[in-house]
Amino acid sequence: MTENAAAARRTLADIRPCGACPVRGLAVCGVLEPDELYALAEIVHEAHRAHRQSVIVEGDEANGFFIVTSGVASVEKLLADGRRQIVGFLYPSDFFGLAVDGRYAYNVTAVTNLAFCQFERPKYLALVDRFPKLERRLLGMASDELAASQEQMLVLGCKTAKEKVASFLSMLSERSYRLGHLRSPIWVPMTRGDIGDYLGVTTETTSRMFTKLRNEGLIAFLPDAMIDLLDINSLKKIADGG
C-alpha cells in the first residue's frame, strides 16, 4: 500500500460512523468524497429495531430518511379489510423514507434485528443542496426501485405460485450477488407468511411450493435461514414460465 493510500484509509477510518460503514460503497452516500462524508457523519443517527418492531408507520409525518446497514425489513401496505400486502424487502444499503404530501406512504417493519442510519429530513435535504451528486445517486436508485416494483406487478399478475416462488429466490440470489456475496446459498429470514404476503399467495401455498422445489432437487434448506440454490438456471427457467 502506498503512503497516500494509507493516509486516505486513515482519513476514512476517522469519519465515524460513516467511514467504517460496511455498505457505504453501495448506498446513496457512496458517491461522497471523504471531506464531503464528514458533513454527512455530522447529521447521522445510528438506530436499531428488534425483530418485528416498527421503523416507520404509514400516515405518520415524514421527518426522516433512512439507510439499512444490517438486517432485513419489510415494506408494507395495509388494505381496508385489514389484509397486509408486502410491497418489498429492504436489505443493507437500501434507502427509504420517501413520502407523499409530507406523510409516509407505507409501513416499514423489521423482519430481523435491524440496524440503520437515520437522518433528519431538513438536514438531509440541505446536504443534497450542497452535494447535488447525492440527488443524482438517489434518482438512480429510485429508478431501480421502480423497475423492481414493475417486476413484482408481473409476478403478482401473470405467474403461477411455483413461478412466483422461483422468481423470489432468483431475485434474492441476484441481490446477494450485488451486495458482494455468492449467488448461493442465500439468506431467507422471512417467514412463509411474509413471502406469501409479498407474492400474493397464501402461507400454505408458499410452503407447498418450497417443498416442491426441494423435492425436485432445485433447493436445499440449510441452518440459520439459509437456502442453497442447487440449480439456479432451472429456477430462472421456471421463473420465466419455462
Protein backbone atom coordinates (compact mmCIF):
# COMPACT_ATOMS: atom_id res chain seq x y z
CA MET A 1 0.00 0.00 0.00
CA THR A 2 1.36 3.45 -0.91
CA GLU A 3 1.75 6.19 1.67
CA ASN A 4 -1.04 8.23 0.05
CA ALA A 5 -3.39 5.24 0.03
CA ALA A 6 -2.65 4.56 3.69
CA ALA A 7 -3.38 8.18 4.52
CA ALA A 8 -6.70 8.04 2.65
CA ARG A 9 -7.67 4.89 4.55
CA ARG A 10 -6.84 6.54 7.87
CA THR A 11 -8.90 9.55 6.88
CA LEU A 12 -11.96 7.41 6.17
CA ALA A 13 -11.48 5.45 9.38
CA ASP A 14 -11.64 8.72 11.31
CA ILE A 15 -15.09 9.60 9.90
CA ARG A 16 -17.40 7.98 12.43
CA PRO A 17 -19.66 6.22 11.83
CA CYS A 18 -19.73 6.69 8.06
CA GLY A 19 -16.10 5.92 7.27
CA ALA A 20 -16.33 2.41 8.69
CA CYS A 21 -19.81 1.64 7.32
CA PRO A 22 -19.75 -1.78 5.63
CA VAL A 23 -22.35 -0.80 3.00
CA ARG A 24 -21.29 2.78 2.24
CA GLY A 25 -19.98 1.90 -1.21
CA LEU A 26 -23.38 0.50 -2.22
CA ALA A 27 -25.57 3.10 -0.51
CA VAL A 28 -26.63 6.53 -1.72
CA CYS A 29 -23.77 8.10 0.26
CA GLY A 30 -21.20 6.08 -1.67
CA VAL A 31 -20.74 8.99 -4.10
CA LEU A 32 -19.32 11.28 -1.41
CA GLU A 33 -15.62 12.02 -1.08
CA PRO A 34 -14.00 11.82 2.39
CA ASP A 35 -14.25 15.58 3.01
CA GLU A 36 -17.94 15.50 1.99
CA LEU A 37 -18.56 12.43 4.11
CA TYR A 38 -17.67 14.40 7.22
CA ALA A 39 -20.72 16.59 6.58
CA LEU A 40 -22.93 13.50 6.34
CA ALA A 41 -21.48 11.98 9.50
CA GLU A 42 -22.39 15.12 11.43
CA ILE A 43 -26.12 14.61 10.83
CA VAL A 44 -26.44 10.82 11.05
CA HIS A 45 -28.01 8.96 13.94
CA GLU A 46 -27.50 5.21 14.31
CA ALA A 47 -30.64 3.32 15.31
CA HIS A 48 -31.79 -0.25 15.86
CA ARG A 49 -35.02 -2.21 15.92
CA ALA A 50 -35.63 -5.71 17.19
CA HIS A 51 -37.40 -8.41 15.20
CA ARG A 52 -40.95 -7.31 14.25
CA GLN A 53 -40.59 -3.81 15.67
CA SER A 54 -41.89 -0.92 13.59
CA VAL A 55 -39.48 1.52 11.94
CA ILE A 56 -41.96 3.89 10.26
CA VAL A 57 -45.76 3.92 10.21
CA GLU A 58 -47.95 4.75 7.23
CA GLY A 59 -49.56 8.16 7.63
CA ASP A 60 -47.08 9.49 10.18
CA GLU A 61 -45.30 12.75 9.49
CA ALA A 62 -42.28 12.02 7.31
CA ASN A 63 -39.50 13.57 9.35
CA GLY A 64 -36.58 11.34 8.39
CA PHE A 65 -34.68 9.37 5.78
CA PHE A 66 -33.03 6.02 6.47
CA ILE A 67 -30.38 3.64 5.14
CA VAL A 68 -30.31 -0.03 6.20
CA THR A 69 -26.87 -1.07 7.44
CA SER A 70 -27.66 -4.56 8.80
CA GLY A 71 -30.62 -6.93 8.69
CA VAL A 72 -33.81 -7.03 6.63
CA ALA A 73 -37.06 -5.07 6.81
CA SER A 74 -40.40 -5.35 5.02
CA VAL A 75 -42.24 -2.52 3.26
CA GLU A 76 -45.97 -2.96 3.84
CA LYS A 77 -49.36 -1.55 2.95
CA LEU A 78 -52.46 -2.38 4.99
CA LEU A 79 -55.61 -2.88 2.94
CA ALA A 80 -59.02 -1.59 4.01
CA ASP A 81 -60.11 -5.07 5.09
CA GLY A 82 -57.06 -5.49 7.34
CA ARG A 83 -55.01 -7.64 5.00
CA ARG A 84 -51.33 -6.91 4.56
CA GLN A 85 -49.54 -6.56 1.24
CA ILE A 86 -45.76 -6.57 1.42
CA VAL A 87 -44.51 -4.47 -1.50
CA GLY A 88 -40.80 -5.06 -0.97
CA PHE A 89 -37.97 -6.04 1.32
CA LEU A 90 -35.13 -3.76 2.40
CA TYR A 91 -31.56 -5.04 2.64
CA PRO A 92 -28.28 -3.43 3.68
CA SER A 93 -27.55 -0.27 1.63
CA ASP A 94 -31.25 0.29 0.77
CA PHE A 95 -32.56 3.84 1.22
CA PHE A 96 -36.11 4.51 2.43
CA GLY A 97 -38.32 7.22 3.87
CA LEU A 98 -39.76 8.84 0.76
CA ALA A 99 -43.15 10.43 1.37
CA VAL A 100 -46.35 11.69 -0.23
CA ASP A 101 -47.61 15.10 0.91
CA GLY A 102 -45.26 15.01 3.87
CA ARG A 103 -46.56 11.66 5.18
CA TYR A 104 -45.07 8.20 4.97
CA ALA A 105 -46.90 6.18 2.35
CA TYR A 106 -46.15 2.76 3.85
CA ASN A 107 -45.14 0.84 6.96
CA VAL A 108 -41.62 -0.48 7.44
CA THR A 109 -41.16 -3.35 9.92
CA ALA A 110 -38.01 -5.17 10.99
CA VAL A 111 -38.01 -8.75 9.68
CA THR A 112 -34.81 -9.45 11.61
CA ASN A 113 -32.88 -7.43 14.13
CA LEU A 114 -32.26 -4.28 12.15
CA ALA A 115 -29.63 -1.54 12.17
CA PHE A 116 -29.98 1.62 10.14
CA CYS A 117 -28.77 5.18 9.74
CA GLN A 118 -31.36 7.88 10.31
CA PHE A 119 -31.24 11.45 9.03
CA GLU A 120 -33.50 14.34 9.92
CA ARG A 121 -35.27 15.31 6.72
CA PRO A 122 -34.43 19.08 6.70
CA LYS A 123 -30.75 18.42 7.41
CA TYR A 124 -30.50 15.72 4.74
CA LEU A 125 -32.24 17.89 2.14
CA ALA A 126 -29.85 20.73 2.96
CA LEU A 127 -26.98 18.33 2.34
CA VAL A 128 -28.49 17.35 -1.01
CA ASP A 129 -28.47 21.05 -1.93
CA ARG A 130 -24.76 21.19 -1.06
CA PHE A 131 -23.88 17.96 -2.89
CA PRO A 132 -26.16 17.51 -5.95
CA LYS A 133 -24.47 14.17 -6.68
CA LEU A 134 -26.49 12.75 -3.76
CA GLU A 135 -29.70 13.60 -5.57
CA ARG A 136 -28.45 12.06 -8.81
CA ARG A 137 -27.49 8.88 -6.98
CA LEU A 138 -30.87 8.77 -5.25
CA LEU A 139 -32.69 9.21 -8.56
CA GLY A 140 -30.75 6.29 -9.98
CA MET A 141 -31.67 4.13 -7.02
CA ALA A 142 -35.30 5.22 -7.29
CA SER A 143 -35.28 4.10 -10.94
CA ASP A 144 -34.02 0.68 -9.85
CA GLU A 145 -36.79 0.51 -7.23
CA LEU A 146 -39.39 1.38 -9.87
CA ALA A 147 -38.10 -1.42 -12.09
CA ALA A 148 -38.32 -3.82 -9.14
CA SER A 149 -41.91 -2.71 -8.47
CA GLN A 150 -42.82 -3.32 -12.10
CA GLU A 151 -41.29 -6.79 -11.87
CA GLN A 152 -43.36 -7.50 -8.78
CA MET A 153 -46.52 -6.46 -10.66
CA LEU A 154 -45.65 -9.04 -13.30
CA VAL A 155 -45.07 -11.68 -10.63
CA LEU A 156 -48.39 -10.94 -8.93
CA GLY A 157 -50.43 -10.75 -12.07
CA CYS A 158 -49.22 -13.35 -14.52
CA LYS A 159 -47.30 -16.15 -12.82
CA THR A 160 -48.26 -19.39 -11.15
CA ALA A 161 -47.44 -19.96 -7.47
CA LYS A 162 -44.40 -22.06 -8.37
CA GLU A 163 -43.16 -19.42 -10.81
CA LYS A 164 -43.65 -16.75 -8.14
CA VAL A 165 -41.53 -18.60 -5.56
CA ALA A 166 -38.84 -19.34 -8.17
CA SER A 167 -38.85 -15.65 -9.14
CA PHE A 168 -38.50 -14.65 -5.49
CA LEU A 169 -35.50 -16.93 -4.93
CA SER A 170 -33.87 -15.77 -8.18
CA MET A 171 -34.36 -12.15 -7.12
CA LEU A 172 -32.70 -12.78 -3.74
CA SER A 173 -29.84 -14.54 -5.49
CA GLU A 174 -29.18 -11.53 -7.72
CA ARG A 175 -29.46 -9.14 -4.80
CA SER A 176 -26.97 -11.24 -2.83
CA TYR A 177 -24.55 -11.02 -5.74
CA ARG A 178 -24.95 -7.23 -5.99
CA LEU A 179 -24.10 -6.96 -2.29
CA GLY A 180 -20.83 -8.77 -2.94
CA HIS A 181 -21.89 -12.24 -1.78
CA LEU A 182 -22.34 -15.52 -3.60
CA ARG A 183 -25.47 -16.16 -5.64
CA SER A 184 -25.99 -19.26 -3.48
CA PRO A 185 -26.62 -20.03 -0.70
CA ILE A 186 -28.89 -17.11 0.11
CA TRP A 187 -30.26 -15.79 3.39
CA VAL A 188 -34.08 -16.01 3.56
CA PRO A 189 -35.06 -14.76 7.04
CA MET A 190 -38.68 -14.01 6.10
CA THR A 191 -41.45 -16.29 7.29
CA ARG A 192 -43.54 -18.17 4.76
CA GLY A 193 -46.31 -15.73 5.68
CA ASP A 194 -44.08 -12.77 4.81
CA ILE A 195 -43.19 -14.31 1.47
CA GLY A 196 -46.82 -15.15 0.75
CA ASP A 197 -47.88 -11.57 1.51
CA TYR A 198 -45.22 -10.39 -0.95
CA LEU A 199 -46.12 -12.84 -3.69
CA GLY A 200 -49.89 -12.64 -3.27
CA VAL A 201 -50.43 -16.29 -2.28
CA THR A 202 -51.37 -17.99 0.97
CA THR A 203 -48.85 -19.14 3.56
CA GLU A 204 -49.85 -22.75 2.90
CA THR A 205 -49.31 -22.40 -0.85
CA THR A 206 -45.92 -20.77 -0.28
CA SER A 207 -44.85 -23.66 1.96
CA ARG A 208 -46.02 -26.23 -0.60
CA MET A 209 -44.05 -24.55 -3.39
CA PHE A 210 -40.87 -24.50 -1.30
CA THR A 211 -41.36 -28.19 -0.54
CA LYS A 212 -41.99 -28.92 -4.23
CA LEU A 213 -38.79 -27.15 -5.28
CA ARG A 214 -36.87 -29.06 -2.62
CA ASN A 215 -38.34 -32.40 -3.70
CA GLU A 216 -37.37 -31.63 -7.30
CA GLY A 217 -33.77 -31.17 -6.20
CA LEU A 218 -33.65 -27.46 -7.01
CA ILE A 219 -33.13 -26.12 -3.49
CA ALA A 220 -31.94 -27.37 -0.10
CA PHE A 221 -32.72 -25.92 3.32
CA LEU A 222 -29.68 -25.08 5.44
CA PRO A 223 -29.37 -23.91 9.06
CA ASP A 224 -29.76 -20.24 10.03
CA ALA A 225 -32.44 -19.46 7.41
CA MET A 226 -30.09 -20.19 4.51
CA ILE A 227 -31.26 -21.82 1.28
CA ASP A 228 -28.91 -23.47 -1.18
CA LEU A 229 -30.00 -22.92 -4.78
CA LEU A 230 -28.82 -26.19 -6.30
CA ASP A 231 -29.82 -25.35 -9.87
CA ILE A 232 -30.08 -21.60 -10.40
CA ASN A 233 -30.57 -21.91 -14.16
CA SER A 234 -33.56 -24.20 -13.74
CA LEU A 235 -35.05 -21.85 -11.15
CA LYS A 236 -34.72 -18.97 -13.59
CA LYS A 237 -36.39 -21.01 -16.34
CA ILE A 238 -39.30 -21.77 -14.01
CA ALA A 239 -39.48 -18.08 -13.05
CA ASP A 240 -39.70 -17.17 -16.72
CA GLY A 241 -42.50 -19.65 -17.33
CA GLY A 242 -40.31 -22.36 -18.86
